[in-house]
Amino acid sequence: MSQTLTPHMQTEGSSLVFLKDGLAVTTSLAIADGTQNQHKNVLELVRTYRADIEEFGRVAFETRPFETAGGTQNREVALLNEQQATLLLTYMRNSDVVRSFKKALVKMFWEMAKAQRQSVTDPLAVLNDPAQMRSLLLNYTERVLALESTVATQAPKVEALDRIATRTGGTLCITDAAKALQMGVKALFDWLSANRWIYRRPGGKSWLGYQDRVQSGLLEHKIATILVEGEERIREQVLVTAKGLARLAEIHGKEIAA
């Protein structure tokens, strides 16, 4: 039975949608509660599809305390904007509960945006208020510094991926991908199989990529003609794209070796 959700327009706390640094966001915890999923499963979904989700902005994580029978514990919570949260929900099974929550969440984001539009400050008043001007300039400076830090951190990874893409045409076989990730080849094959990236047809020898991984640009298929005992045979080979390599490096906490 789907639950009834009441909109909250607060800045923090237990509200479903709230303002964080002026941006309307929800949390992985709120999504887990609203869709009746375990929070760890929602977080895993965020990490699995993080590259897709971050096409709508960087995902922020924060540590929050919570009470258990054994005392206070800490857990990691993802903060998601409207587009990120909506995309995440499309990766869930479209049950009655999920659909009901999705509608409630969209409505709350809409109400938050409406409330923000109604409370827009007069720009002339801001210019004449030194305290507000200082706050705006400080916020802008912090955002610029954070962006510069992100660019500096990502630069080596981007350069490595660019060199790999130039040398290989943008794709790698799984063996070469394992080398680029500085992982064991068997370990990578095992992980890809266990986590539904690749599979084998019954009785087949070639590995194939799951369709959702191919459609999301993580994997590609290459069809090649080979000679087996003097006969031409067609064989499919699954390849890891630059996007897929970046996702694997992120999941496994590996630096990409070009």
C-alpha atoms as a PDB file:
ATOM      1  CA  MET A   1       0.000   0.000   0.000  1.00  0.00           C
ATOM      2  CA  SER A   2       1.502   3.371  -0.976  1.00  0.00           C
ATOM      3  CA  GLN A   3       2.112   5.945   1.713  1.00  0.00           C
ATOM      4  CA  THR A   4       0.795   9.517   1.758  1.00  0.00           C
ATOM      5  CA  LEU A   5       3.598  12.072   1.705  1.00  0.00           C
ATOM      6  CA  THR A   6       3.223  15.625   2.970  1.00  0.00           C
ATOM      7  CA  PRO A   7       5.383  18.356   1.388  1.00  0.00           C
ATOM      8  CA  HIS A   8       7.972  19.996   3.623  1.00  0.00           C
ATOM      9  CA  MET A   9       9.663  23.269   2.728  1.00  0.00           C
ATOM     10  CA  GLN A  10      12.322  23.360   5.414  1.00  0.00           C
ATOM     11  CA  THR A  11      16.076  23.921   5.136  1.00  0.00           C
ATOM     12  CA  GLU A  12      17.176  20.678   6.803  1.00  0.00           C
ATOM     13  CA  GLY A  13      15.964  17.940   9.073  1.00  0.00           C
ATOM     14  CA  SER A  14      13.559  15.178   8.124  1.00  0.00           C
ATOM     15  CA  SER A  15      11.852  17.041   5.249  1.00  0.00           C
ATOM     16  CA  LEU A  16      11.698  15.283   1.896  1.00  0.00           C
ATOM     17  CA  VAL A  17      12.846  18.343  -0.077  1.00  0.00           C
ATOM     18  CA  PHE A  18      14.913  21.104   1.523  1.00  0.00           C
ATOM     19  CA  LEU A  19      17.372  23.853   0.632  1.00  0.00           C
ATOM     20  CA  LYS A  20      21.101  23.148   0.771  1.00  0.00           C
ATOM     21  CA  ASP A  21      23.287  26.143  -0.146  1.00  0.00           C
ATOM     22  CA  GLY A  22      20.307  27.612  -1.969  1.00  0.00           C
ATOM     23  CA  LEU A  23      19.628  24.457  -4.002  1.00  0.00           C
ATOM     24  CA  ALA A  24      16.533  22.283  -3.557  1.00  0.00           C
ATOM     25  CA  VAL A  25      17.636  18.721  -2.789  1.00  0.00           C
ATOM     26  CA  THR A  26      16.417  15.436  -1.373  1.00  0.00           C
ATOM     27  CA  THR A  27      18.431  12.582   0.136  1.00  0.00           C
ATOM     28  CA  SER A  28      19.068   8.920  -0.536  1.00  0.00           C
ATOM     29  CA  LEU A  29      17.605   8.308   2.924  1.00  0.00           C
ATOM     30  CA  ALA A  30      14.328  10.022   2.014  1.00  0.00           C
ATOM     31  CA  ILE A  31      14.164   8.095  -1.271  1.00  0.00           C
ATOM     32  CA  ALA A  32      14.796   4.801   0.531  1.00  0.00           C
ATOM     33  CA  ASP A  33      12.012   5.562   3.000  1.00  0.00           C
ATOM     34  CA  GLY A  34       9.588   6.758   0.326  1.00  0.00           C
ATOM     35  CA  THR A  35      10.156   3.774  -1.981  1.00  0.00           C
ATOM     36  CA  GLN A  36      10.301   1.273   0.901  1.00  0.00           C
ATOM     37  CA  ASN A  37      13.839   0.144   0.036  1.00  0.00           C
ATOM     38  CA  GLN A  38      16.824  -0.392   2.293  1.00  0.00           C
ATOM     39  CA  HIS A  39      19.041   2.694   2.371  1.00  0.00           C
ATOM     40  CA  LYS A  40      22.172   0.674   1.554  1.00  0.00           C
ATOM     41  CA  ASN A  41      20.491  -0.523  -1.660  1.00  0.00           C
ATOM     42  CA  VAL A  42      19.613   3.021  -2.709  1.00  0.00           C
ATOM     43  CA  LEU A  43      23.189   4.160  -2.021  1.00  0.00           C
ATOM     44  CA  GLU A  44      24.520   1.265  -4.103  1.00  0.00           C
ATOM     45  CA  LEU A  45      22.231   2.350  -6.944  1.00  0.00           C
ATOM     46  CA  VAL A  46      23.620   5.892  -6.683  1.00  0.00           C
ATOM     47  CA  ARG A  47      27.186   4.586  -6.867  1.00  0.00           C
ATOM     48  CA  THR A  48      26.444   2.190  -9.729  1.00  0.00           C
ATOM     49  CA  TYR A  49      24.895   4.897 -11.896  1.00  0.00           C
ATOM     50  CA  ARG A  50      26.912   7.805 -10.509  1.00  0.00           C
ATOM     51  CA  ALA A  51      28.406   8.774 -13.885  1.00  0.00           C
ATOM     52  CA  ASP A  52      24.911   9.065 -15.390  1.00  0.00           C
ATOM     53  CA  ILE A  53      23.548  10.923 -12.371  1.00  0.00           C
ATOM     54  CA  GLU A  54      26.456  13.384 -12.354  1.00  0.00           C
ATOM     55  CA  GLU A  55      25.533  14.526 -15.853  1.00  0.00           C
ATOM     56  CA  PHE A  56      23.107  16.693 -13.851  1.00  0.00           C
ATOM     57  CA  GLY A  57      25.701  17.928 -11.346  1.00  0.00           C
ATOM     58  CA  ARG A  58      28.106  16.463  -8.861  1.00  0.00           C
ATOM     59  CA  VAL A  59      26.583  14.167  -6.229  1.00  0.00           C
ATOM     60  CA  ALA A  60      27.320  15.368  -2.702  1.00  0.00           C
ATOM     61  CA  PHE A  61      27.706  12.965   0.208  1.00  0.00           C
ATOM     62  CA  GLU A  62      27.591  13.742   3.907  1.00  0.00           C
ATOM     63  CA  THR A  63      27.853  11.709   7.095  1.00  0.00           C
ATOM     64  CA  ARG A  64      24.877  11.815   9.446  1.00  0.00           C
ATOM     65  CA  PRO A  65      24.450  10.295  12.923  1.00  0.00           C
ATOM     66  CA  PHE A  66      21.554   7.994  13.771  1.00  0.00           C
ATOM     67  CA  GLU A  67      20.524   6.122  16.887  1.00  0.00           C
ATOM     68  CA  THR A  68      20.614   2.325  17.202  1.00  0.00           C
ATOM     69  CA  ALA A  69      20.128  -0.085  20.084  1.00  0.00           C
ATOM     70  CA  GLY A  70      23.901  -0.150  20.440  1.00  0.00           C
ATOM     71  CA  GLY A  71      24.251   3.626  20.526  1.00  0.00           C
ATOM     72  CA  THR A  72      24.905   6.399  18.018  1.00  0.00           C
ATOM     73  CA  GLN A  73      26.178   5.303  14.604  1.00  0.00           C
ATOM     74  CA  ASN A  74      27.132   7.249  11.482  1.00  0.00           C
ATOM     75  CA  ARG A  75      25.990   6.630   7.918  1.00  0.00           C
ATOM     76  CA  GLU A  76      26.733   8.169   4.542  1.00  0.00           C
ATOM     77  CA  VAL A  77      23.848   9.960   2.837  1.00  0.00           C
ATOM     78  CA  ALA A  78      23.730  11.204  -0.772  1.00  0.00           C
ATOM     79  CA  LEU A  79      22.224  14.619  -1.544  1.00  0.00           C
ATOM     80  CA  LEU A  80      20.415  14.747  -4.902  1.00  0.00           C
ATOM     81  CA  ASN A  81      18.886  17.592  -6.871  1.00  0.00           C
ATOM     82  CA  GLU A  82      15.571  17.210  -8.709  1.00  0.00           C
ATOM     83  CA  GLN A  83      17.042  15.849 -11.951  1.00  0.00           C
ATOM     84  CA  GLN A  84      19.374  13.444 -10.149  1.00  0.00           C
ATOM     85  CA  ALA A  85      16.619  12.092  -7.907  1.00  0.00           C
ATOM     86  CA  THR A  86      14.210  11.685 -10.833  1.00  0.00           C
ATOM     87  CA  LEU A  87      16.830   9.807 -12.867  1.00  0.00           C
ATOM     88  CA  LEU A  88      17.652   7.561  -9.903  1.00  0.00           C
ATOM     89  CA  LEU A  89      13.988   6.599  -9.562  1.00  0.00           C
ATOM     90  CA  THR A  90      13.898   5.483 -13.213  1.00  0.00           C
ATOM     91  CA  TYR A  91      16.461   2.799 -12.314  1.00  0.00           C
ATOM     92  CA  MET A  92      14.061   1.311  -9.744  1.00  0.00           C
ATOM     93  CA  ARG A  93      11.300  -1.195 -10.437  1.00  0.00           C
ATOM     94  CA  ASN A  94       8.215   0.852 -11.330  1.00  0.00           C
ATOM     95  CA  SER A  95       5.935  -0.443  -8.566  1.00  0.00           C
ATOM     96  CA  ASP A  96       2.851   1.339  -7.216  1.00  0.00           C
ATOM     97  CA  VAL A  97       4.886   2.581  -4.249  1.00  0.00           C
ATOM     98  CA  VAL A  98       7.659   3.968  -6.464  1.00  0.00           C
ATOM     99  CA  ARG A  99       5.184   5.678  -8.823  1.00  0.00           C
ATOM    100  CA  SER A 100       3.312   7.243  -5.910  1.00  0.00           C
ATOM    101  CA  PHE A 101       6.534   8.478  -4.339  1.00  0.00           C
ATOM    102  CA  LYS A 102       7.818   9.777  -7.691  1.00  0.00           C
ATOM    103  CA  LYS A 103       4.695  11.927  -8.140  1.00  0.00           C
ATOM    104  CA  ALA A 104       4.949  13.251  -4.585  1.00  0.00           C
ATOM    105  CA  LEU A 105       8.640  14.072  -5.016  1.00  0.00           C
ATOM    106  CA  VAL A 106       8.106  15.912  -8.315  1.00  0.00           C
ATOM    107  CA  LYS A 107       5.273  17.886  -6.712  1.00  0.00           C
ATOM    108  CA  MET A 108       7.437  18.861  -3.731  1.00  0.00           C
ATOM    109  CA  PHE A 109      10.304  20.014  -5.935  1.00  0.00           C
ATOM    110  CA  TRP A 110       7.785  22.041  -7.953  1.00  0.00           C
ATOM    111  CA  GLU A 111       6.368  23.637  -4.794  1.00  0.00           C
ATOM    112  CA  MET A 112       9.874  24.416  -3.561  1.00  0.00           C
ATOM    113  CA  ALA A 113      10.747  26.122  -6.867  1.00  0.00           C
ATOM    114  CA  LYS A 114       7.493  28.088  -6.706  1.00  0.00           C
ATOM    115  CA  ALA A 115       8.251  29.217  -3.153  1.00  0.00           C
ATOM    116  CA  GLN A 116      11.767  30.271  -4.177  1.00  0.00           C
ATOM    117  CA  ARG A 117      10.444  32.322  -7.110  1.00  0.00           C
ATOM    118  CA  GLN A 118       8.033  34.111  -4.792  1.00  0.00           C
ATOM    119  CA  SER A 119      10.803  34.982  -2.343  1.00  0.00           C
ATOM    120  CA  VAL A 120      13.350  36.313  -4.858  1.00  0.00           C
ATOM    121  CA  THR A 121      15.201  39.234  -3.298  1.00  0.00           C
ATOM    122  CA  ASP A 122      15.214  42.604  -5.056  1.00  0.00           C
ATOM    123  CA  PRO A 123      18.696  42.839  -6.659  1.00  0.00           C
ATOM    124  CA  LEU A 124      18.895  46.579  -5.956  1.00  0.00           C
ATOM    125  CA  ALA A 125      18.254  45.899  -2.277  1.00  0.00           C
ATOM    126  CA  VAL A 126      21.110  43.381  -2.266  1.00  0.00           C
ATOM    127  CA  LEU A 127      23.493  45.890  -3.870  1.00  0.00           C
ATOM    128  CA  ASN A 128      22.657  48.397  -1.148  1.00  0.00           C
ATOM    129  CA  ASP A 129      23.158  45.893   1.678  1.00  0.00           C
ATOM    130  CA  PRO A 130      26.878  45.345   2.461  1.00  0.00           C
ATOM    131  CA  ALA A 131      26.160  42.236   4.562  1.00  0.00           C
ATOM    132  CA  GLN A 132      24.231  40.534   1.749  1.00  0.00           C
ATOM    133  CA  MET A 133      26.881  41.547  -0.789  1.00  0.00           C
ATOM    134  CA  ARG A 134      29.628  40.010   1.376  1.00  0.00           C
ATOM    135  CA  SER A 135      27.592  36.816   1.725  1.00  0.00           C
ATOM    136  CA  LEU A 136      27.031  36.578  -2.041  1.00  0.00           C
ATOM    137  CA  LEU A 137      30.696  37.233  -2.842  1.00  0.00           C
ATOM    138  CA  LEU A 138      31.845  34.692  -0.253  1.00  0.00           C
ATOM    139  CA  ASN A 139      29.465  32.069  -1.636  1.00  0.00           C
ATOM    140  CA  TYR A 140      30.638  32.761  -5.201  1.00  0.00           C
ATOM    141  CA  THR A 141      34.310  32.557  -4.172  1.00  0.00           C
ATOM    142  CA  GLU A 142      33.751  29.237  -2.384  1.00  0.00           C
ATOM    143  CA  ARG A 143      32.046  27.800  -5.476  1.00  0.00           C
ATOM    144  CA  VAL A 144      34.897  28.924  -7.753  1.00  0.00           C
ATOM    145  CA  LEU A 145      37.524  27.425  -5.431  1.00  0.00           C
ATOM    146  CA  ALA A 146      35.591  24.151  -5.195  1.00  0.00           C
ATOM    147  CA  LEU A 147      35.299  23.993  -8.993  1.00  0.00           C
ATOM    148  CA  GLU A 148      39.023  24.677  -9.446  1.00  0.00           C
ATOM    149  CA  SER A 149      39.832  21.928  -6.942  1.00  0.00           C
ATOM    150  CA  THR A 150      37.571  19.470  -8.783  1.00  0.00           C
ATOM    151  CA  VAL A 151      39.169  20.320 -12.140  1.00  0.00           C
ATOM    152  CA  ALA A 152      42.669  19.853 -10.693  1.00  0.00           C
ATOM    153  CA  THR A 153      41.713  16.498  -9.163  1.00  0.00           C
ATOM    154  CA  GLN A 154      40.096  15.203 -12.345  1.00  0.00           C
ATOM    155  CA  ALA A 155      42.798  16.442 -14.741  1.00  0.00           C
ATOM    156  CA  PRO A 156      45.121  13.374 -14.477  1.00  0.00           C
ATOM    157  CA  LYS A 157      42.169  11.000 -15.012  1.00  0.00           C
ATOM    158  CA  VAL A 158      40.944  12.989 -18.009  1.00  0.00           C
ATOM    159  CA  GLU A 159      44.433  13.025 -19.542  1.00  0.00           C
ATOM    160  CA  ALA A 160      44.816   9.263 -19.025  1.00  0.00           C
ATOM    161  CA  LEU A 161      41.424   8.567 -20.613  1.00  0.00           C
ATOM    162  CA  ASP A 162      42.265  10.868 -23.521  1.00  0.00           C
ATOM    163  CA  ARG A 163      45.524   9.025 -24.187  1.00  0.00           C
ATOM    164  CA  ILE A 164      43.727   5.672 -24.041  1.00  0.00           C
ATOM    165  CA  ALA A 165      40.963   6.899 -26.355  1.00  0.00           C
ATOM    166  CA  THR A 166      43.516   8.224 -28.868  1.00  0.00           C
ATOM    167  CA  ARG A 167      45.514   5.000 -28.851  1.00  0.00           C
ATOM    168  CA  THR A 168      42.615   2.533 -28.919  1.00  0.00           C
ATOM    169  CA  GLY A 169      39.831   4.363 -30.713  1.00  0.00           C
ATOM    170  CA  GLY A 170      37.975   4.778 -27.434  1.00  0.00           C
ATOM    171  CA  THR A 171      37.415   1.129 -26.464  1.00  0.00           C
ATOM    172  CA  LEU A 172      39.410  -1.603 -24.738  1.00  0.00           C
ATOM    173  CA  CYS A 173      39.008  -5.343 -24.511  1.00  0.00           C
ATOM    174  CA  ILE A 174      38.476  -6.505 -20.941  1.00  0.00           C
ATOM    175  CA  THR A 175      42.057  -7.775 -20.669  1.00  0.00           C
ATOM    176  CA  ASP A 176      43.449  -4.354 -21.631  1.00  0.00           C
ATOM    177  CA  ALA A 177      40.901  -2.639 -19.384  1.00  0.00           C
ATOM    178  CA  ALA A 178      42.180  -4.718 -16.456  1.00  0.00           C
ATOM    179  CA  LYS A 179      45.729  -3.597 -17.251  1.00  0.00           C
ATOM    180  CA  ALA A 180      44.641   0.049 -17.438  1.00  0.00           C
ATOM    181  CA  LEU A 181      42.929  -0.338 -14.053  1.00  0.00           C
ATOM    182  CA  GLN A 182      45.944  -2.217 -12.672  1.00  0.00           C
ATOM    183  CA  MET A 183      43.708  -5.148 -11.759  1.00  0.00           C
ATOM    184  CA  GLY A 184      43.994  -8.866 -12.327  1.00  0.00           C
ATOM    185  CA  VAL A 185      42.301  -9.952 -15.555  1.00  0.00           C
ATOM    186  CA  LYS A 186      40.387 -12.802 -13.867  1.00  0.00           C
ATOM    187  CA  ALA A 187      39.341 -10.504 -11.028  1.00  0.00           C
ATOM    188  CA  LEU A 188      37.856  -8.002 -13.482  1.00  0.00           C
ATOM    189  CA  PHE A 189      36.055 -10.698 -15.501  1.00  0.00           C
ATOM    190  CA  ASP A 190      34.639 -12.163 -12.274  1.00  0.00           C
ATOM    191  CA  TRP A 191      33.488  -8.747 -11.048  1.00  0.00           C
ATOM    192  CA  LEU A 192      31.879  -7.797 -14.361  1.00  0.00           C
ATOM    193  CA  SER A 193      30.025 -11.119 -14.458  1.00  0.00           C
ATOM    194  CA  ALA A 194      28.910 -10.950 -10.814  1.00  0.00           C
ATOM    195  CA  ASN A 195      27.684  -7.353 -11.193  1.00  0.00           C
ATOM    196  CA  ARG A 196      25.703  -7.899 -14.411  1.00  0.00           C
ATOM    197  CA  TRP A 197      27.972  -6.134 -16.857  1.00  0.00           C
ATOM    198  CA  ILE A 198      28.760  -9.231 -18.952  1.00  0.00           C
ATOM    199  CA  TYR A 199      27.359 -12.740 -19.441  1.00  0.00           C
ATOM    200  CA  ARG A 200      27.657 -15.836 -21.598  1.00  0.00           C
ATOM    201  CA  ARG A 201      24.842 -17.467 -23.510  1.00  0.00           C
ATOM    202  CA  PRO A 202      24.165 -21.090 -22.506  1.00  0.00           C
ATOM    203  CA  GLY A 203      26.810 -23.181 -24.227  1.00  0.00           C
ATOM    204  CA  GLY A 204      28.553 -20.076 -25.591  1.00  0.00           C
ATOM    205  CA  LYS A 205      32.198 -19.183 -25.148  1.00  0.00           C
ATOM    206  CA  SER A 206      32.152 -15.448 -25.881  1.00  0.00           C
ATOM    207  CA  TRP A 207      31.323 -12.865 -23.252  1.00  0.00           C
ATOM    208  CA  LEU A 208      28.552 -10.408 -24.115  1.00  0.00           C
ATOM    209  CA  GLY A 209      27.525  -7.142 -22.490  1.00  0.00           C
ATOM    210  CA  TYR A 210      24.127  -6.701 -20.851  1.00  0.00           C
ATOM    211  CA  GLN A 211      21.930  -4.460 -22.981  1.00  0.00           C
ATOM    212  CA  ASP A 212      21.483  -1.771 -20.313  1.00  0.00           C
ATOM    213  CA  ARG A 213      25.278  -1.432 -19.982  1.00  0.00           C
ATOM    214  CA  VAL A 214      25.586  -1.093 -23.753  1.00  0.00           C
ATOM    215  CA  GLN A 215      22.751   1.446 -23.966  1.00  0.00           C
ATOM    216  CA  SER A 216      24.299   3.547 -21.188  1.00  0.00           C
ATOM    217  CA  GLY A 217      27.588   3.694 -23.119  1.00  0.00           C
ATOM    218  CA  LEU A 218      29.664   1.617 -20.694  1.00  0.00           C
ATOM    219  CA  LEU A 219      30.231  -1.291 -23.088  1.00  0.00           C
ATOM    220  CA  GLU A 220      30.257  -1.910 -26.833  1.00  0.00           C
ATOM    221  CA  HIS A 221      30.144  -4.994 -29.026  1.00  0.00           C
ATOM    222  CA  LYS A 222      32.579  -5.676 -31.850  1.00  0.00           C
ATOM    223  CA  ILE A 223      31.827  -8.306 -34.473  1.00  0.00           C
ATOM    224  CA  ALA A 224      34.913  -9.928 -36.013  1.00  0.00           C
ATOM    225  CA  THR A 225      35.453 -12.673 -38.580  1.00  0.00           C
ATOM    226  CA  ILE A 226      38.058 -15.257 -37.533  1.00  0.00           C
ATOM    227  CA  LEU A 227      39.415 -18.469 -39.029  1.00  0.00           C
ATOM    228  CA  VAL A 228      38.790 -21.664 -37.060  1.00  0.00           C
ATOM    229  CA  GLU A 229      40.266 -24.789 -38.664  1.00  0.00           C
ATOM    230  CA  GLY A 230      40.152 -23.107 -42.059  1.00  0.00           C
ATOM    231  CA  GLU A 231      36.540 -21.938 -41.716  1.00  0.00           C
ATOM    232  CA  GLU A 232      35.410 -18.355 -41.294  1.00  0.00           C
ATOM    233  CA  ARG A 233      33.354 -17.763 -38.176  1.00  0.00           C
ATOM    234  CA  ILE A 234      31.766 -14.650 -36.763  1.00  0.00           C
ATOM    235  CA  ARG A 235      32.511 -13.885 -33.134  1.00  0.00           C
ATOM    236  CA  GLU A 236      31.272 -11.074 -30.930  1.00  0.00           C
ATOM    237  CA  GLN A 237      33.640  -9.379 -28.512  1.00  0.00           C
ATOM    238  CA  VAL A 238      32.594  -7.124 -25.672  1.00  0.00           C
ATOM    239  CA  LEU A 239      34.640  -3.938 -25.249  1.00  0.00           C
ATOM    240  CA  VAL A 240      34.875  -1.415 -22.410  1.00  0.00           C
ATOM    241  CA  THR A 241      34.358   2.211 -23.468  1.00  0.00           C
ATOM    242  CA  ALA A 242      36.191   5.196 -22.001  1.00  0.00           C
ATOM    243  CA  LYS A 243      33.025   5.966 -20.015  1.00  0.00           C
ATOM    244  CA  GLY A 244      32.918   2.381 -18.759  1.00  0.00           C
ATOM    245  CA  LEU A 245      36.589   2.512 -17.794  1.00  0.00           C
ATOM    246  CA  ALA A 246      36.026   5.714 -15.834  1.00  0.00           C
ATOM    247  CA  ARG A 247      33.055   4.125 -14.040  1.00  0.00           C
ATOM    248  CA  LEU A 248      35.094   1.018 -13.149  1.00  0.00           C
ATOM    249  CA  ALA A 249      37.971   3.160 -11.900  1.00  0.00           C
ATOM    250  CA  GLU A 250      35.534   5.071  -9.700  1.00  0.00           C
ATOM    251  CA  ILE A 251      33.872   1.925  -8.332  1.00  0.00           C
ATOM    252  CA  HIS A 252      37.151   0.183  -7.559  1.00  0.00           C
ATOM    253  CA  GLY A 253      39.011   3.285  -6.407  1.00  0.00           C
ATOM    254  CA  LYS A 254      41.700   2.799  -9.042  1.00  0.00           C
ATOM    255  CA  GLU A 255      43.889   5.252 -10.921  1.00  0.00           C
ATOM    256  CA  ILE A 256      43.800   4.770 -14.681  1.00  0.00           C
ATOM    257  CA  ALA A 257      47.172   3.875 -16.168  1.00  0.00           C
ATOM    258  CA  ALA A 258      47.569   5.083 -19.742  1.00  0.00           C
END
